[in-house]
Structures are given as C-alpha cells and as structure tokens.
Amino acid sequence: MSGHTDIHEYLAELEDIPGTRVYTAARARQGYWMNQFAMSLMTADNRERFKADERAYLDAWPLSEEQKQALLDRDYNRCLDLGGNIYFLAKLFSTDGLSFLQAVGTMTGMSTQDYQAMMVAGGRSPVGVRSIREKR
C-alpha cells in the first residue's frame, strides 16, 4: 500500500491517476443498480423495451437522476464516475450497435481510427501527467 497504514489514504491515491477511474468497492456500491440495469439489456425483450422509451425504462430502476442522465447522454466517462463498470456498460453500447472500440473511443475525445491506431501502436505514452493533485 505504498507505505500507507490508512486504507482510506491509499484509496484516495487511486483517485489521483489522470484519466483513470479505478473500480473500487465504493464505486461498485454506488453503481450497483446502474450495472444491474446494463445487465438487463442482455435479453432482447429488455433491449426492445429500453429502446422504445429509454427514460421510462430507466425510471423503473433505483438510479440517481445523475446516473439516469449520464446513461441517457451515453456519457460513459460520467457513468464510470458514478459507479458504472465498463464491462457492464458494454451491454448499453452494444444495444446502440457500437463496438467496444467505438464506444471506448468516444471516451477519449479521439476519433475511432485515431484511438485504434494509438492502441495498436502500444497505447498511451507513460510520459506525461501522472498526478492530478501534483500536476506532474
């Protein structure tokens, strides 16, 4: 734990990684119902009901208004902030007809082609900002 004796201090460090949302137990608890909603889209019946009236379908789940709006907006970064797990959220972008590559590319601000090229070339450079708090 990086020499820390306090688990809360250690977990706070995970929030300091730029561009990364570590899926902690706290996030899992926060996003439980969002992820359950996403898993519901595994059945064709539920996908059709969702596509027919997204808001009504979401209103049937005990989600926060912020979570519902992030889902409606397909703001996947916000969904992750609010406890969504990308592997569960994949059910939503699959429902929209997007591939994993297309959906995750939208989270980077890059075109799908640029994102794919970056990943094929080895991913993001480890050089750059490594701490949000320290801006280094």
C-alpha atoms as a PDB file:
ATOM      1  CA  MET A   1       0.000   0.000   0.000  1.00  0.00           C
ATOM      2  CA  SER A   2       2.732   2.473  -0.880  1.00  0.00           C
ATOM      3  CA  GLY A   3       3.889   2.624   2.740  1.00  0.00           C
ATOM      4  CA  HIS A   4       0.469   3.815   3.965  1.00  0.00           C
ATOM      5  CA  THR A   5      -1.146   2.369   7.024  1.00  0.00           C
ATOM      6  CA  ASP A   6      -4.513   4.035   6.369  1.00  0.00           C
ATOM      7  CA  ILE A   7      -6.637   2.262   3.745  1.00  0.00           C
ATOM      8  CA  HIS A   8      -8.589   5.484   3.080  1.00  0.00           C
ATOM      9  CA  GLU A   9      -5.387   7.371   2.306  1.00  0.00           C
ATOM     10  CA  TYR A  10      -4.341   4.571  -0.040  1.00  0.00           C
ATOM     11  CA  LEU A  11      -7.711   4.508  -1.818  1.00  0.00           C
ATOM     12  CA  ALA A  12      -7.606   8.310  -2.179  1.00  0.00           C
ATOM     13  CA  GLU A  13      -4.364   7.914  -4.136  1.00  0.00           C
ATOM     14  CA  LEU A  14      -6.260   5.885  -6.740  1.00  0.00           C
ATOM     15  CA  GLU A  15      -8.405   8.954  -7.469  1.00  0.00           C
ATOM     16  CA  ASP A  16      -5.232  10.907  -8.308  1.00  0.00           C
ATOM     17  CA  ILE A  17      -4.481   8.952 -11.503  1.00  0.00           C
ATOM     18  CA  PRO A  18      -5.303  11.190 -14.501  1.00  0.00           C
ATOM     19  CA  GLY A  19      -7.795   9.754 -16.977  1.00  0.00           C
ATOM     20  CA  THR A  20      -8.364   6.637 -14.890  1.00  0.00           C
ATOM     21  CA  ARG A  21     -11.262   5.591 -12.732  1.00  0.00           C
ATOM     22  CA  VAL A  22     -10.264   2.675 -10.536  1.00  0.00           C
ATOM     23  CA  TYR A  23     -13.239   0.416  -9.888  1.00  0.00           C
ATOM     24  CA  THR A  24     -13.138   0.288  -6.107  1.00  0.00           C
ATOM     25  CA  ALA A  25     -15.624  -1.300  -3.702  1.00  0.00           C
ATOM     26  CA  ALA A  26     -17.090   2.177  -3.101  1.00  0.00           C
ATOM     27  CA  ARG A  27     -17.676   2.644  -6.835  1.00  0.00           C
ATOM     28  CA  ALA A  28     -19.170  -0.833  -7.080  1.00  0.00           C
ATOM     29  CA  ARG A  29     -21.659   0.000  -4.313  1.00  0.00           C
ATOM     30  CA  GLN A  30     -22.517   3.363  -5.888  1.00  0.00           C
ATOM     31  CA  GLY A  31     -23.047   1.838  -9.326  1.00  0.00           C
ATOM     32  CA  TYR A  32     -24.776  -1.384  -8.330  1.00  0.00           C
ATOM     33  CA  TRP A  33     -28.146  -0.509  -9.870  1.00  0.00           C
ATOM     34  CA  MET A  34     -26.582   1.120 -12.939  1.00  0.00           C
ATOM     35  CA  ASN A  35     -24.708  -2.091 -13.606  1.00  0.00           C
ATOM     36  CA  GLN A  36     -27.810  -4.199 -12.949  1.00  0.00           C
ATOM     37  CA  PHE A  37     -29.697  -2.051 -15.476  1.00  0.00           C
ATOM     38  CA  ALA A  38     -26.925  -2.627 -18.024  1.00  0.00           C
ATOM     39  CA  MET A  39     -27.023  -6.385 -17.427  1.00  0.00           C
ATOM     40  CA  SER A  40     -30.778  -6.358 -18.001  1.00  0.00           C
ATOM     41  CA  LEU A  41     -30.023  -5.434 -21.622  1.00  0.00           C
ATOM     42  CA  MET A  42     -28.733  -8.948 -22.204  1.00  0.00           C
ATOM     43  CA  THR A  43     -32.263 -10.055 -23.121  1.00  0.00           C
ATOM     44  CA  ALA A  44     -33.882  -8.999 -26.382  1.00  0.00           C
ATOM     45  CA  ASP A  45     -37.184  -8.176 -24.657  1.00  0.00           C
ATOM     46  CA  ASN A  46     -35.493  -5.723 -22.324  1.00  0.00           C
ATOM     47  CA  ARG A  47     -33.484  -4.145 -25.137  1.00  0.00           C
ATOM     48  CA  GLU A  48     -36.701  -3.529 -27.073  1.00  0.00           C
ATOM     49  CA  ARG A  49     -38.449  -2.057 -24.030  1.00  0.00           C
ATOM     50  CA  PHE A  50     -35.448   0.179 -23.376  1.00  0.00           C
ATOM     51  CA  LYS A  51     -35.228   1.363 -26.988  1.00  0.00           C
ATOM     52  CA  ALA A  52     -38.975   2.088 -27.065  1.00  0.00           C
ATOM     53  CA  ASP A  53     -38.770   4.518 -24.101  1.00  0.00           C
ATOM     54  CA  GLU A  54     -35.347   4.869 -22.526  1.00  0.00           C
ATOM     55  CA  ARG A  55     -36.455   7.271 -19.810  1.00  0.00           C
ATOM     56  CA  ALA A  56     -39.380   5.111 -18.673  1.00  0.00           C
ATOM     57  CA  TYR A  57     -37.135   2.026 -18.600  1.00  0.00           C
ATOM     58  CA  LEU A  58     -34.518   3.849 -16.500  1.00  0.00           C
ATOM     59  CA  ASP A  59     -37.192   5.250 -14.183  1.00  0.00           C
ATOM     60  CA  ALA A  60     -38.047   1.668 -13.188  1.00  0.00           C
ATOM     61  CA  TRP A  61     -34.562   1.319 -11.654  1.00  0.00           C
ATOM     62  CA  PRO A  62     -33.432   2.880  -8.329  1.00  0.00           C
ATOM     63  CA  LEU A  63     -30.858   5.110 -10.034  1.00  0.00           C
ATOM     64  CA  SER A  64     -29.927   8.658  -9.119  1.00  0.00           C
ATOM     65  CA  GLU A  65     -31.075  11.356 -11.513  1.00  0.00           C
ATOM     66  CA  GLU A  66     -27.407  11.971 -12.324  1.00  0.00           C
ATOM     67  CA  GLN A  67     -26.894   8.306 -13.234  1.00  0.00           C
ATOM     68  CA  LYS A  68     -30.013   8.302 -15.429  1.00  0.00           C
ATOM     69  CA  GLN A  69     -28.854  11.426 -17.263  1.00  0.00           C
ATOM     70  CA  ALA A  70     -25.350  10.038 -17.819  1.00  0.00           C
ATOM     71  CA  LEU A  71     -26.888   6.878 -19.290  1.00  0.00           C
ATOM     72  CA  LEU A  72     -29.311   8.826 -21.490  1.00  0.00           C
ATOM     73  CA  ASP A  73     -26.445  11.052 -22.685  1.00  0.00           C
ATOM     74  CA  ARG A  74     -24.231   7.989 -23.257  1.00  0.00           C
ATOM     75  CA  ASP A  75     -21.595   9.868 -21.271  1.00  0.00           C
ATOM     76  CA  TYR A  76     -19.552   6.807 -20.416  1.00  0.00           C
ATOM     77  CA  ASN A  77     -16.880   8.731 -18.507  1.00  0.00           C
ATOM     78  CA  ARG A  78     -19.589  10.164 -16.249  1.00  0.00           C
ATOM     79  CA  CYS A  79     -21.096   6.680 -15.904  1.00  0.00           C
ATOM     80  CA  LEU A  80     -17.726   5.421 -14.668  1.00  0.00           C
ATOM     81  CA  ASP A  81     -17.525   8.326 -12.211  1.00  0.00           C
ATOM     82  CA  LEU A  82     -20.943   7.311 -10.891  1.00  0.00           C
ATOM     83  CA  GLY A  83     -20.040   3.665 -10.353  1.00  0.00           C
ATOM     84  CA  GLY A  84     -20.583   2.127 -13.761  1.00  0.00           C
ATOM     85  CA  ASN A  85     -18.317  -0.709 -14.799  1.00  0.00           C
ATOM     86  CA  ILE A  86     -17.212  -0.610 -18.434  1.00  0.00           C
ATOM     87  CA  TYR A  87     -17.827  -4.330 -18.903  1.00  0.00           C
ATOM     88  CA  PHE A  88     -21.417  -3.960 -17.720  1.00  0.00           C
ATOM     89  CA  LEU A  89     -21.888  -0.725 -19.690  1.00  0.00           C
ATOM     90  CA  ALA A  90     -20.817  -2.662 -22.784  1.00  0.00           C
ATOM     91  CA  LYS A  91     -24.372  -4.032 -22.826  1.00  0.00           C
ATOM     92  CA  LEU A  92     -25.635  -0.476 -23.378  1.00  0.00           C
ATOM     93  CA  PHE A  93     -23.320   0.401 -26.219  1.00  0.00           C
ATOM     94  CA  SER A  94     -23.953  -2.983 -27.795  1.00  0.00           C
ATOM     95  CA  THR A  95     -27.666  -2.162 -27.642  1.00  0.00           C
ATOM     96  CA  ASP A  96     -26.791   1.013 -29.579  1.00  0.00           C
ATOM     97  CA  GLY A  97     -24.926  -1.048 -32.167  1.00  0.00           C
ATOM     98  CA  LEU A  98     -21.475   0.194 -31.156  1.00  0.00           C
ATOM     99  CA  SER A  99     -18.395  -1.971 -30.836  1.00  0.00           C
ATOM    100  CA  PHE A 100     -16.240  -1.805 -27.721  1.00  0.00           C
ATOM    101  CA  LEU A 101     -13.634   0.086 -29.780  1.00  0.00           C
ATOM    102  CA  GLN A 102     -16.170   2.674 -30.982  1.00  0.00           C
ATOM    103  CA  ALA A 103     -17.663   3.236 -27.537  1.00  0.00           C
ATOM    104  CA  VAL A 104     -14.377   3.467 -25.672  1.00  0.00           C
ATOM    105  CA  GLY A 105     -13.023   5.753 -28.393  1.00  0.00           C
ATOM    106  CA  THR A 106     -15.806   8.238 -27.551  1.00  0.00           C
ATOM    107  CA  MET A 107     -14.398   8.412 -24.020  1.00  0.00           C
ATOM    108  CA  THR A 108     -11.031   9.701 -25.222  1.00  0.00           C
ATOM    109  CA  GLY A 109     -12.031  12.636 -27.384  1.00  0.00           C
ATOM    110  CA  MET A 110     -10.304  10.881 -30.300  1.00  0.00           C
ATOM    111  CA  SER A 111     -11.788   9.509 -33.484  1.00  0.00           C
ATOM    112  CA  THR A 112     -12.277   5.750 -33.559  1.00  0.00           C
ATOM    113  CA  GLN A 113      -9.495   5.482 -36.146  1.00  0.00           C
ATOM    114  CA  ASP A 114      -7.034   7.561 -34.097  1.00  0.00           C
ATOM    115  CA  TYR A 115      -7.884   5.654 -30.930  1.00  0.00           C
ATOM    116  CA  GLN A 116      -7.424   2.300 -32.676  1.00  0.00           C
ATOM    117  CA  ALA A 117      -4.102   3.413 -34.169  1.00  0.00           C
ATOM    118  CA  MET A 118      -2.875   4.559 -30.742  1.00  0.00           C
ATOM    119  CA  MET A 119      -3.825   1.232 -29.163  1.00  0.00           C
ATOM    120  CA  VAL A 120      -2.246  -0.818 -31.975  1.00  0.00           C
ATOM    121  CA  ALA A 121       0.923   1.252 -31.508  1.00  0.00           C
ATOM    122  CA  GLY A 122       1.070   0.272 -27.830  1.00  0.00           C
ATOM    123  CA  GLY A 123      -1.408   2.567 -26.082  1.00  0.00           C
ATOM    124  CA  ARG A 124      -0.947   5.884 -24.340  1.00  0.00           C
ATOM    125  CA  SER A 125       2.550   7.037 -23.550  1.00  0.00           C
ATOM    126  CA  PRO A 126       3.549   6.617 -19.907  1.00  0.00           C
ATOM    127  CA  VAL A 127       5.231  10.013 -20.187  1.00  0.00           C
ATOM    128  CA  GLY A 128       3.125  12.951 -19.052  1.00  0.00           C
ATOM    129  CA  VAL A 129       0.884  13.923 -16.173  1.00  0.00           C
ATOM    130  CA  ARG A 130       0.911  11.145 -13.585  1.00  0.00           C
ATOM    131  CA  SER A 131      -0.775  13.004 -10.697  1.00  0.00           C
ATOM    132  CA  ILE A 132      -3.856  15.217 -10.836  1.00  0.00           C
ATOM    133  CA  ARG A 133      -3.110  16.723  -7.414  1.00  0.00           C
ATOM    134  CA  GLU A 134       0.550  17.495  -8.116  1.00  0.00           C
ATOM    135  CA  LYS A 135       0.077  18.278 -11.835  1.00  0.00           C
ATOM    136  CA  ARG A 136       3.146  16.245 -12.700  1.00  0.00           C
END
